Protein backbone atom coordinates (compact mmCIF):
# COMPACT_ATOMS: atom_id res chain seq x y z
CA MET A 1 70.62 145.30 233.88
CA SER A 2 69.19 142.29 232.08
CA LEU A 3 70.16 138.78 233.10
CA SER A 4 71.69 138.15 229.68
CA ARG A 5 73.77 141.34 229.95
CA ALA A 6 74.97 140.37 233.44
CA TYR A 7 75.92 136.90 232.19
CA LEU A 8 78.02 138.37 229.36
CA LEU A 9 79.90 140.55 231.83
CA LEU A 10 80.46 137.88 234.44
CA ALA A 11 81.18 134.91 232.17
CA PRO A 12 84.87 135.77 231.53
CA LEU A 13 85.43 136.13 235.27
CA ALA A 14 83.77 132.80 235.92
CA LEU A 15 85.86 131.10 233.26
CA ALA A 16 89.06 132.61 234.69
CA ALA A 17 88.12 131.43 238.15
CA ALA A 18 87.37 127.98 236.82
CA ALA A 19 90.66 127.70 234.91
CA PRO A 20 93.00 125.28 236.66
CA PRO A 21 96.18 126.72 238.18
CA LEU A 22 99.29 126.47 236.04
CA TYR A 23 100.76 123.94 238.43
CA GLU A 24 97.90 121.54 237.81
CA SER A 25 97.79 122.18 234.09
CA TYR A 26 101.51 121.67 233.51
CA ARG A 27 102.60 119.33 236.30
CA ASP A 28 102.67 116.17 234.19
CA VAL A 29 104.39 117.67 231.16
CA SER A 30 106.93 119.42 233.41
CA LEU A 31 107.80 116.15 235.09
CA GLN A 32 108.20 114.63 231.64
CA ILE A 33 110.57 117.44 230.60
CA ILE A 34 112.58 117.18 233.81
CA ALA A 35 112.90 113.41 233.46
CA ALA A 36 114.21 113.83 229.91
CA ALA A 37 116.72 116.45 231.06
CA PHE A 38 117.94 114.18 233.87
CA THR A 39 119.01 111.51 231.41
CA ASP A 40 120.22 113.86 228.68
CA GLN A 41 123.72 113.27 227.34
CA ASP A 42 123.63 115.43 224.23
CA GLY A 43 123.74 118.84 225.90
CA TYR A 44 127.01 118.26 227.71
CA ALA A 45 128.50 116.70 224.58
CA LYS A 46 127.63 119.84 222.61
CA LEU A 47 129.11 122.07 225.32
CA SER A 48 132.28 119.98 225.30
CA TYR A 49 132.57 120.26 221.53
CA LEU A 50 132.13 124.03 221.64
CA CYS A 51 134.74 124.48 224.35
CA ASP A 52 137.28 121.80 223.38
CA ARG A 53 137.12 121.93 219.59
CA VAL A 54 136.20 125.57 218.92
CA GLY A 55 137.65 127.14 222.05
CA ASN A 56 137.50 130.75 223.19
CA ARG A 57 135.47 133.12 221.04
CA LEU A 58 136.34 136.80 221.32
CA SER A 59 134.43 139.16 219.05
CA GLY A 60 136.13 139.52 215.69
CA SER A 61 138.11 136.31 216.01
CA PRO A 62 138.09 133.44 213.51
CA SER A 63 137.09 131.08 216.33
CA LEU A 64 133.90 133.07 216.98
CA ASN A 65 133.04 132.78 213.30
CA ASP A 66 133.65 129.02 213.52
CA ALA A 67 131.39 128.82 216.58
CA ILE A 68 128.60 130.69 214.79
CA GLN A 69 128.70 128.37 211.79
CA TRP A 70 128.80 125.29 214.01
CA ALA A 71 125.94 126.57 216.19
CA ALA A 72 123.67 127.24 213.21
CA ALA A 73 124.35 123.76 211.86
CA GLN A 74 123.69 122.25 215.30
CA MET A 75 120.35 124.04 215.58
CA LYS A 76 119.33 122.51 212.27
CA ARG A 77 120.48 119.05 213.42
CA ASP A 78 118.34 119.48 216.52
CA GLY A 79 115.29 120.13 214.36
CA LEU A 80 114.83 123.83 215.04
CA GLU A 81 113.00 125.78 212.36
CA ASN A 82 113.85 129.07 210.63
CA VAL A 83 117.51 128.86 211.60
CA SER A 84 119.29 132.07 210.61
CA THR A 85 122.43 134.08 211.35
CA PRO A 86 121.54 137.80 211.17
CA ALA A 87 124.58 139.99 210.60
CA VAL A 88 126.05 142.12 213.39
CA LYS A 89 129.03 144.47 213.36
CA VAL A 90 131.23 143.98 216.43
CA PRO A 91 134.33 145.63 217.91
CA HIS A 92 137.57 143.80 217.23
CA TRP A 93 140.13 144.05 220.01
CA VAL A 94 143.35 142.02 219.84
CA ARG A 95 145.42 141.22 222.93
CA GLY A 96 148.81 140.62 221.35
CA ARG A 97 151.93 139.83 223.35
CA GLU A 98 152.04 141.06 226.94
CA GLU A 99 154.21 140.78 230.02
CA ALA A 100 154.89 142.56 233.27
CA SER A 101 157.41 142.31 236.09
CA ILE A 102 158.63 144.03 239.20
CA VAL A 103 162.13 145.32 238.47
CA ALA A 104 162.89 147.01 241.83
CA PRO A 105 163.49 146.57 244.74
CA VAL A 106 163.29 142.87 243.73
CA ARG A 107 162.85 141.13 240.40
CA HIS A 108 159.60 139.21 240.13
CA PRO A 109 157.45 138.30 237.10
CA LEU A 110 153.80 139.35 237.34
CA THR A 111 150.98 137.11 236.14
CA MET A 112 148.74 139.45 234.17
CA LEU A 113 146.05 139.85 231.53
CA ALA A 114 145.36 143.07 229.66
CA LEU A 115 141.86 144.40 230.20
CA GLY A 116 139.62 144.17 227.16
CA GLY A 117 139.74 147.34 225.09
CA SER A 118 143.02 148.51 226.55
CA VAL A 119 145.53 150.40 224.45
CA ALA A 120 149.14 149.27 224.07
CA THR A 121 152.22 150.50 225.83
CA PRO A 122 154.91 152.25 223.79
CA ALA A 123 157.10 149.85 221.78
CA ASP A 124 159.69 149.70 224.57
CA GLY A 125 157.07 149.26 227.26
CA ILE A 126 156.63 151.39 230.36
CA THR A 127 158.85 151.28 233.43
CA ALA A 128 157.59 153.39 236.30
CA GLN A 129 157.07 153.54 240.02
CA VAL A 130 153.83 152.04 241.34
CA VAL A 131 151.49 153.82 243.73
CA THR A 132 148.90 151.63 245.43
CA VAL A 133 145.38 152.63 246.44
CA ASP A 134 142.32 150.70 247.57
CA THR A 135 139.60 153.24 246.78
CA PHE A 136 138.94 156.09 244.38
CA ASP A 137 138.95 158.43 247.38
CA ALA A 138 142.48 157.29 248.22
CA LEU A 139 143.53 157.93 244.63
CA ASN A 140 142.09 161.43 244.65
CA ALA A 141 143.73 162.16 248.00
CA LEU A 142 147.14 161.50 246.44
CA GLY A 143 146.50 164.15 243.82
CA ARG A 144 148.32 164.79 240.57
CA GLU A 145 151.62 165.55 242.29
CA LYS A 146 151.95 161.97 243.59
CA VAL A 147 150.29 160.17 240.66
CA ALA A 148 151.64 161.83 237.51
CA GLY A 149 154.17 159.68 235.66
CA LYS A 150 153.44 156.62 237.81
CA ILE A 151 151.57 153.33 237.47
CA VAL A 152 148.47 153.18 239.67
CA LEU A 153 147.64 149.82 241.25
CA PHE A 154 144.08 149.44 242.49
CA ASN A 155 144.60 146.86 245.23
CA VAL A 156 140.88 146.56 245.98
CA PRO A 157 139.69 143.56 248.02
CA TYR A 158 136.98 141.54 246.29
CA GLU A 159 133.64 142.30 247.95
CA GLY A 160 131.33 140.87 245.31
CA TYR A 161 131.36 141.48 241.59
CA GLY A 162 128.84 144.29 241.52
CA LYS A 163 130.71 146.35 244.10
CA THR A 164 134.24 145.77 242.85
CA VAL A 165 133.90 145.74 239.06
CA VAL A 166 133.67 149.54 238.89
CA TYR A 167 137.45 149.69 239.42
CA ARG A 168 137.98 147.53 236.34
CA VAL A 169 135.57 149.52 234.23
CA THR A 170 136.57 153.08 235.12
CA GLY A 171 139.88 152.80 236.98
CA ALA A 172 142.14 153.53 234.01
CA SER A 173 140.45 156.83 233.18
CA ARG A 174 140.29 157.86 236.83
CA ALA A 175 144.04 157.25 237.14
CA ALA A 176 144.84 158.92 233.80
CA ARG A 177 142.97 162.03 234.94
CA LEU A 178 145.71 162.55 237.53
CA GLY A 179 148.54 161.84 235.09
CA ALA A 180 149.13 158.10 235.59
CA VAL A 181 150.91 156.36 232.71
CA ALA A 182 149.32 152.93 233.26
CA MET A 183 146.86 151.12 235.52
CA LEU A 184 147.14 147.75 237.22
CA LEU A 185 144.17 146.11 238.90
CA ARG A 186 143.92 143.41 241.50
CA SER A 187 141.72 140.95 239.61
CA VAL A 188 137.98 141.18 240.14
CA GLY A 189 137.34 137.62 241.26
CA SER A 190 137.18 135.36 244.28
CA LEU A 191 139.89 132.82 243.42
CA THR A 192 143.37 133.49 244.83
CA MET A 193 145.58 130.97 243.08
CA GLN A 194 147.68 133.10 240.71
CA THR A 195 144.64 133.52 238.46
CA PRO A 196 144.25 136.87 236.65
CA HIS A 197 140.75 137.88 235.52
CA THR A 198 140.31 139.96 232.39
CA GLY A 199 137.19 141.91 231.41
CA ALA A 200 136.18 145.06 229.60
CA LEU A 201 137.15 148.56 230.60
CA GLN A 202 135.56 151.81 229.47
CA TYR A 203 137.68 154.81 228.67
CA SER A 204 136.11 158.21 229.24
CA ASP A 205 136.10 160.67 226.36
CA ASP A 206 137.76 163.39 228.44
CA ASP A 207 140.86 161.60 229.75
CA PRO A 208 143.97 160.09 228.13
CA LYS A 209 143.86 156.40 227.30
CA ILE A 210 146.47 154.50 229.26
CA PRO A 211 147.37 150.77 229.24
CA ALA A 212 145.45 148.73 231.79
CA ALA A 213 145.94 145.17 233.00
CA ALA A 214 144.72 142.84 235.73
CA ILE A 215 147.19 141.07 237.99
CA THR A 216 146.67 138.35 240.57
CA LEU A 217 145.82 138.83 244.22
CA GLU A 218 149.19 137.34 245.14
CA ASP A 219 151.09 139.84 242.99
CA ALA A 220 148.94 142.79 244.04
CA THR A 221 149.50 142.11 247.71
CA LEU A 222 153.24 141.58 247.12
CA ILE A 223 153.46 145.03 245.59
CA GLN A 224 151.46 146.40 248.50
CA ARG A 225 153.81 144.88 251.07
CA LEU A 226 156.89 146.17 249.27
CA SER A 227 155.36 149.64 249.07
CA ASP A 228 154.38 149.55 252.73
CA SER A 229 158.02 148.82 253.60
CA GLY A 230 158.90 152.30 252.40
CA GLU A 231 160.77 151.34 249.24
CA SER A 232 160.00 152.46 245.72
CA VAL A 233 158.41 149.63 243.71
CA ASP A 234 159.10 149.83 239.98
CA VAL A 235 157.23 147.76 237.41
CA HIS A 236 157.92 147.18 233.74
CA LEU A 237 154.80 146.68 231.62
CA TYR A 238 154.68 145.67 227.95
CA MET A 239 151.43 145.28 226.02
CA GLU A 240 150.61 145.07 222.32
CA ALA A 241 146.82 145.35 222.79
CA HIS A 242 145.02 147.27 220.06
CA MET A 243 141.69 147.81 218.31
CA LEU A 244 141.09 146.90 214.69
CA PRO A 245 138.19 148.10 212.53
CA ASP A 246 134.80 146.65 213.45
CA ALA A 247 134.37 143.07 212.25
CA ASP A 248 131.52 141.12 210.71
CA SER A 249 129.75 138.74 213.07
CA ASN A 250 126.31 137.21 213.59
CA ASN A 251 123.65 136.28 216.05
CA VAL A 252 122.33 132.73 215.73
CA MET A 253 118.58 132.03 215.85
CA GLY A 254 116.31 129.01 215.61
CA GLU A 255 112.70 128.31 216.56
CA ILE A 256 110.01 125.88 217.52
CA ARG A 257 107.08 127.54 215.76
CA GLY A 258 103.93 128.02 217.80
CA ARG A 259 100.91 125.90 216.97
CA GLU A 260 98.27 128.60 217.60
CA LYS A 261 100.02 131.98 217.99
CA PRO A 262 103.24 131.70 215.98
CA ASP A 263 103.70 135.47 215.86
CA GLU A 264 103.97 135.66 219.65
CA ILE A 265 107.53 134.95 220.82
CA VAL A 266 109.22 133.65 223.95
CA VAL A 267 112.94 134.11 223.37
CA MET A 268 115.67 132.47 225.42
CA GLY A 269 119.44 132.17 225.16
CA GLY A 270 122.80 133.57 226.14
CA HIS A 271 125.91 134.93 224.45
CA ILE A 272 128.07 132.94 222.06
CA ASP A 273 131.18 135.11 222.39
CA SER A 274 133.68 134.78 225.22
CA TRP A 275 136.96 136.31 226.28
CA ASP A 276 140.11 135.18 224.51
CA VAL A 277 141.35 133.09 227.44
CA GLY A 278 139.94 129.81 228.73
CA ALA A 279 137.16 128.25 226.70
CA GLY A 280 134.11 130.27 227.75
CA ALA A 281 132.50 127.21 229.34
CA GLN A 282 130.66 128.79 232.25
CA ASP A 283 130.59 132.23 230.59
CA ASP A 284 128.56 131.62 228.51
CA GLY A 285 128.88 128.33 226.66
CA SER A 286 126.77 126.73 229.37
CA GLY A 287 124.02 129.29 228.87
CA ILE A 288 123.66 128.88 225.13
CA MET A 289 123.98 125.10 225.20
CA ALA A 290 121.43 124.80 228.03
CA ALA A 291 118.97 126.91 226.04
CA LEU A 292 119.55 124.89 222.89
CA GLU A 293 119.23 121.56 224.67
CA ALA A 294 116.08 122.76 226.45
CA ALA A 295 114.51 123.40 223.05
CA ALA A 296 115.88 120.13 221.68
CA ILE A 297 114.24 118.18 224.52
CA ILE A 298 110.92 119.94 223.97
CA LYS A 299 111.22 119.02 220.30
CA LYS A 300 112.17 115.39 221.02
CA LEU A 301 109.16 115.01 223.31
CA GLY A 302 106.87 116.07 220.48
CA LEU A 303 105.73 119.20 222.28
CA ARG A 304 104.76 122.27 220.28
CA PRO A 305 103.69 125.23 222.44
CA ARG A 306 100.98 127.71 221.51
CA ARG A 307 103.54 130.45 220.90
CA THR A 308 106.87 130.36 219.12
CA LEU A 309 109.83 129.44 221.28
CA ARG A 310 112.93 131.11 219.86
CA VAL A 311 116.52 130.29 220.84
CA VAL A 312 119.06 133.07 220.27
CA PHE A 313 122.81 133.07 220.72
CA TRP A 314 123.71 136.75 220.98
CA THR A 315 127.15 137.89 219.87
CA ASN A 316 129.50 140.43 221.47
CA GLU A 317 128.11 140.53 225.00
CA GLU A 318 131.54 140.63 226.58
CA ASN A 319 132.92 143.81 225.04
CA GLY A 320 130.17 145.75 223.40
CA GLY A 321 126.65 144.29 223.54
CA ALA A 322 126.17 144.67 219.80
CA GLY A 323 124.24 141.39 219.45
CA GLY A 324 121.51 142.37 221.90
CA ARG A 325 121.06 145.76 220.28
CA ALA A 326 121.01 144.25 216.78
CA TYR A 327 118.35 141.75 217.84
CA ARG A 328 116.17 144.55 219.21
CA ALA A 329 116.56 146.43 215.91
CA LEU A 330 115.66 143.28 213.98
CA VAL A 331 112.47 142.86 216.02
CA GLY A 332 111.43 146.43 215.19
CA ASP A 333 107.81 147.39 215.68
CA ALA A 334 106.87 143.76 216.38
CA ILE A 335 108.34 144.16 219.88
CA HIS A 336 104.79 143.89 221.26
CA ASN A 337 104.74 140.27 220.06
CA HIS A 338 107.54 139.32 222.46
CA VAL A 339 105.83 137.74 225.44
CA ALA A 340 108.98 137.13 227.53
CA ALA A 341 112.76 136.99 227.24
CA ILE A 342 114.92 134.57 229.25
CA GLU A 343 118.69 134.87 229.60
CA MET A 344 121.13 132.42 231.16
CA ASP A 345 124.48 134.10 231.78
CA GLY A 346 125.48 133.25 235.32
CA GLY A 347 127.14 129.89 234.83
CA ALA A 348 125.77 126.40 235.27
CA GLU A 349 126.18 125.64 238.94
CA LYS A 350 123.10 124.22 240.69
CA PRO A 351 120.09 126.35 239.66
CA VAL A 352 118.05 128.05 242.35
CA GLY A 353 115.37 129.80 240.32
CA PHE A 354 114.68 132.89 238.25
CA GLY A 355 114.70 136.62 238.73
CA VAL A 356 111.80 138.37 237.00
CA SER A 357 111.33 141.96 235.89
CA PRO A 358 109.01 143.71 236.24
CA GLY A 359 107.23 142.67 239.42
CA GLY A 360 103.47 142.74 239.77
CA PRO A 361 101.37 140.32 237.72
CA ALA A 362 104.37 139.00 235.75
CA LEU A 363 106.18 138.09 238.95
CA ALA A 364 103.10 136.48 240.46
CA ARG A 365 102.53 134.36 237.36
CA ALA A 366 106.19 133.37 237.18
CA LYS A 367 106.00 132.20 240.79
CA GLU A 368 103.20 129.85 239.78
CA ILE A 369 105.44 128.40 237.08
CA GLY A 370 108.26 128.18 239.59
CA ARG A 371 106.29 125.65 241.61
CA LEU A 372 106.82 123.22 238.74
CA LEU A 373 110.56 123.32 239.50
CA GLU A 374 110.26 122.36 243.17
CA THR A 375 111.46 118.83 242.48
CA ILE A 376 114.87 120.15 241.35
CA GLY A 377 115.13 122.95 243.92
CA ALA A 378 114.90 125.72 241.32
CA ASP A 379 111.58 127.17 242.48
CA THR A 380 112.77 130.45 244.01
CA ILE A 381 111.28 133.27 241.95
CA HIS A 382 112.11 136.82 242.98
CA GLU A 383 111.77 140.29 241.55
CA GLY A 384 114.72 141.62 239.57
CA GLY A 385 115.96 139.60 236.65
CA GLY A 386 117.07 139.72 233.07
CA GLY A 387 120.50 140.15 231.53
CA SER A 388 122.55 142.45 229.34
CA ASP A 389 121.55 140.81 226.03
CA ILE A 390 117.83 141.06 226.70
CA ALA A 391 118.09 144.50 228.30
CA PRO A 392 117.14 146.28 225.03
CA LEU A 393 113.95 144.21 224.90
CA MET A 394 113.17 144.83 228.55
CA HIS A 395 113.73 148.55 228.05
CA ASP A 396 110.77 148.49 225.66
CA GLY A 397 108.47 146.57 227.94
CA VAL A 398 109.21 142.88 227.41
CA PRO A 399 109.21 140.96 230.71
CA GLY A 400 112.70 139.60 231.39
CA LEU A 401 113.82 136.54 233.32
CA GLY A 402 117.30 135.55 234.36
CA LEU A 403 118.22 132.08 235.60
CA PHE A 404 120.31 132.22 238.77
CA THR A 405 122.33 129.55 240.53
CA VAL A 406 124.02 129.03 243.87
CA GLY A 407 126.96 130.95 242.38
CA VAL A 408 129.54 129.47 244.74
CA HIS A 409 132.44 129.30 242.30
CA TYR A 410 131.37 131.28 239.23
CA PHE A 411 133.62 134.24 240.00
CA ASP A 412 136.54 131.90 240.66
CA TRP A 413 136.59 131.13 236.94
CA HIS A 414 135.01 134.26 235.47
CA HIS A 415 137.06 135.75 232.58
CA THR A 416 140.08 133.55 233.28
CA ARG A 417 142.09 130.81 231.61
CA THR A 418 140.38 128.36 233.96
CA ASP A 419 136.90 128.76 232.43
CA THR A 420 137.00 125.35 230.80
CA VAL A 421 134.42 122.61 230.45
CA ASP A 422 135.73 120.58 233.37
CA LYS A 423 134.33 123.33 235.62
CA VAL A 424 130.79 122.47 234.51
CA ASN A 425 129.32 119.64 236.58
CA PRO A 426 127.25 117.46 234.19
CA GLN A 427 124.40 116.91 236.64
CA ASP A 428 124.16 120.58 237.56
CA PHE A 429 124.15 121.33 233.86
CA ARG A 430 121.21 118.98 233.35
CA LEU A 431 119.31 120.77 236.12
CA ASN A 432 119.85 124.06 234.31
CA ILE A 433 118.55 122.51 231.09
CA ALA A 434 115.47 121.31 232.96
CA ALA A 435 114.82 124.73 234.50
CA MET A 436 115.19 126.52 231.16
CA ALA A 437 112.99 123.97 229.39
CA VAL A 438 110.12 124.05 231.88
CA MET A 439 110.08 127.83 232.26
CA SER A 440 110.29 128.52 228.52
CA TYR A 441 107.74 125.88 227.55
CA VAL A 442 105.09 127.00 230.02
CA LEU A 443 105.59 130.68 229.15
CA ALA A 444 105.15 129.80 225.48
CA ASP A 445 102.17 127.48 226.01
CA MET A 446 100.02 128.92 228.81
CA PRO A 447 96.73 130.41 227.60
CA GLU A 448 97.43 134.03 228.56
CA ARG A 449 100.58 136.09 228.11
CA LEU A 450 102.90 136.61 231.07
CA GLY A 451 101.67 139.56 233.11
CA GLU A 452 98.10 139.47 231.85
C-alpha cells in the first residue's frame, strides 16, 4: 500500500482521535445556558398562565383549543421560526355529572372520579352489592356466580405506577367478563388524603362495557372493612360519562433553524393536553413549558445550533396518543433526518438525568453530554428512555431520550384535582429547563449525529 493511500485511510481516524471530547467543546456554552436558566423568570410565568388562566385541557375541550392558540402565539413571541399547528383528530370524552355513595350497611358519600373513556350508568344509576378483590386471580377465583350483577372493587395497594396501573386500564373488562355491572378502583397513586386519581381505561372488544370510576384509598379501605365484617356493602353509582364524535385539535410546533444542517432535526417537547381535573401543571404543563423556555434561552443567548431544534407540544397523550402518531405521519419518509427525540413527561421535580434508547453508541455519547449537567446533579444517563409521544419515532429508529426526576411526589398529584401550579417548585423547574436546554443544544450542535 502506498504512503498516500495509507494516509487517506488513516486520516479520518486521526482526526476523530484529535477531536476534543464533548465536555471540553461544550463546557463553556453549557455553563452559560445553565446560568441563564438559573435566573430565568419567564418560564414559570408562562407555566402559571397556562395553568391558572387556561386551566385543564382534555382532548376535545374548548380549553385545549385555547391552550393551542395561546401556545402558538407564545412560540412566536419567543422568536421561534416556522411556528405551525398541524391538525389532529382526537377522541372527545365528556365526564358529565357523577356521584357515588355507600347506601348500606351505612350511608357514606364516596369521593370519586370516572375513569377516562368510561361509559355512563343507566339514567337512574346503579345500586348493587360490592365485592372486593386485590388481584385478578382473586377476581377469577370468585367466578361468575359471585360476581354477576355486582360492583367489583379492585382494592389494590399502590406498589408503583407501572405495576398497579394495569388494574385501571383493564379492570373494567376483566370484571365485566364475569358479569359485573360496574367497576370501582382504589386510585392508582401514592397520596392518601381523600384524593381520587383518574386516568384512561381500555375496554376490550369482547366484553361488555361497564361504568368504571376511581375512589380514594380511604373509601376503598372503608368498603373493605365493612365487607370483612360479614355484611353486604351496597353502593349507588351515577355517571353521565360519554363519548362524542372525534374532535378537531392540533399539535403545536416551532423551531430554531439549524445553521449548517437545517434538514436534520432534534425534536423535544411534551403533551399539551391534560385530564379535566386540576390544571395539568406537573402532567404535562411543566414539560412543554420547560421545552419552550429551553429553546427561548438558547435563542436569547444568540446560539444557533448546526441542526434544527424543534419544539413540539403533542396533543391527546392522555387518552389516545393521536398527536404523537400524527407527528410521525407528518414526518413521513424524512424520518431519517430526525437525529434524536426528547420527551419530558414525568413532572418537574429535581431532575436527575436522562434515559436513552437504544443503548450502545447513542448511550455512550449521551453519557458524555451528561457530564455537562454535573453542576446541577442531572448527569445520570442510563439505558431505557423515551416517552409515549415520541414512541412512534423511536419505533422507526430515532434515538429517544426521556428526562427523569427524583419523582418523590409526582404520583401524589398525578391525574388529580391537586395537579396545580403550586406543586411546581420554581427552582426545580429552572433545573429542568437547564437540563433540557443543554441536552437539546448539544445534540443539535455536535459535529456527528447521536449514535454515530
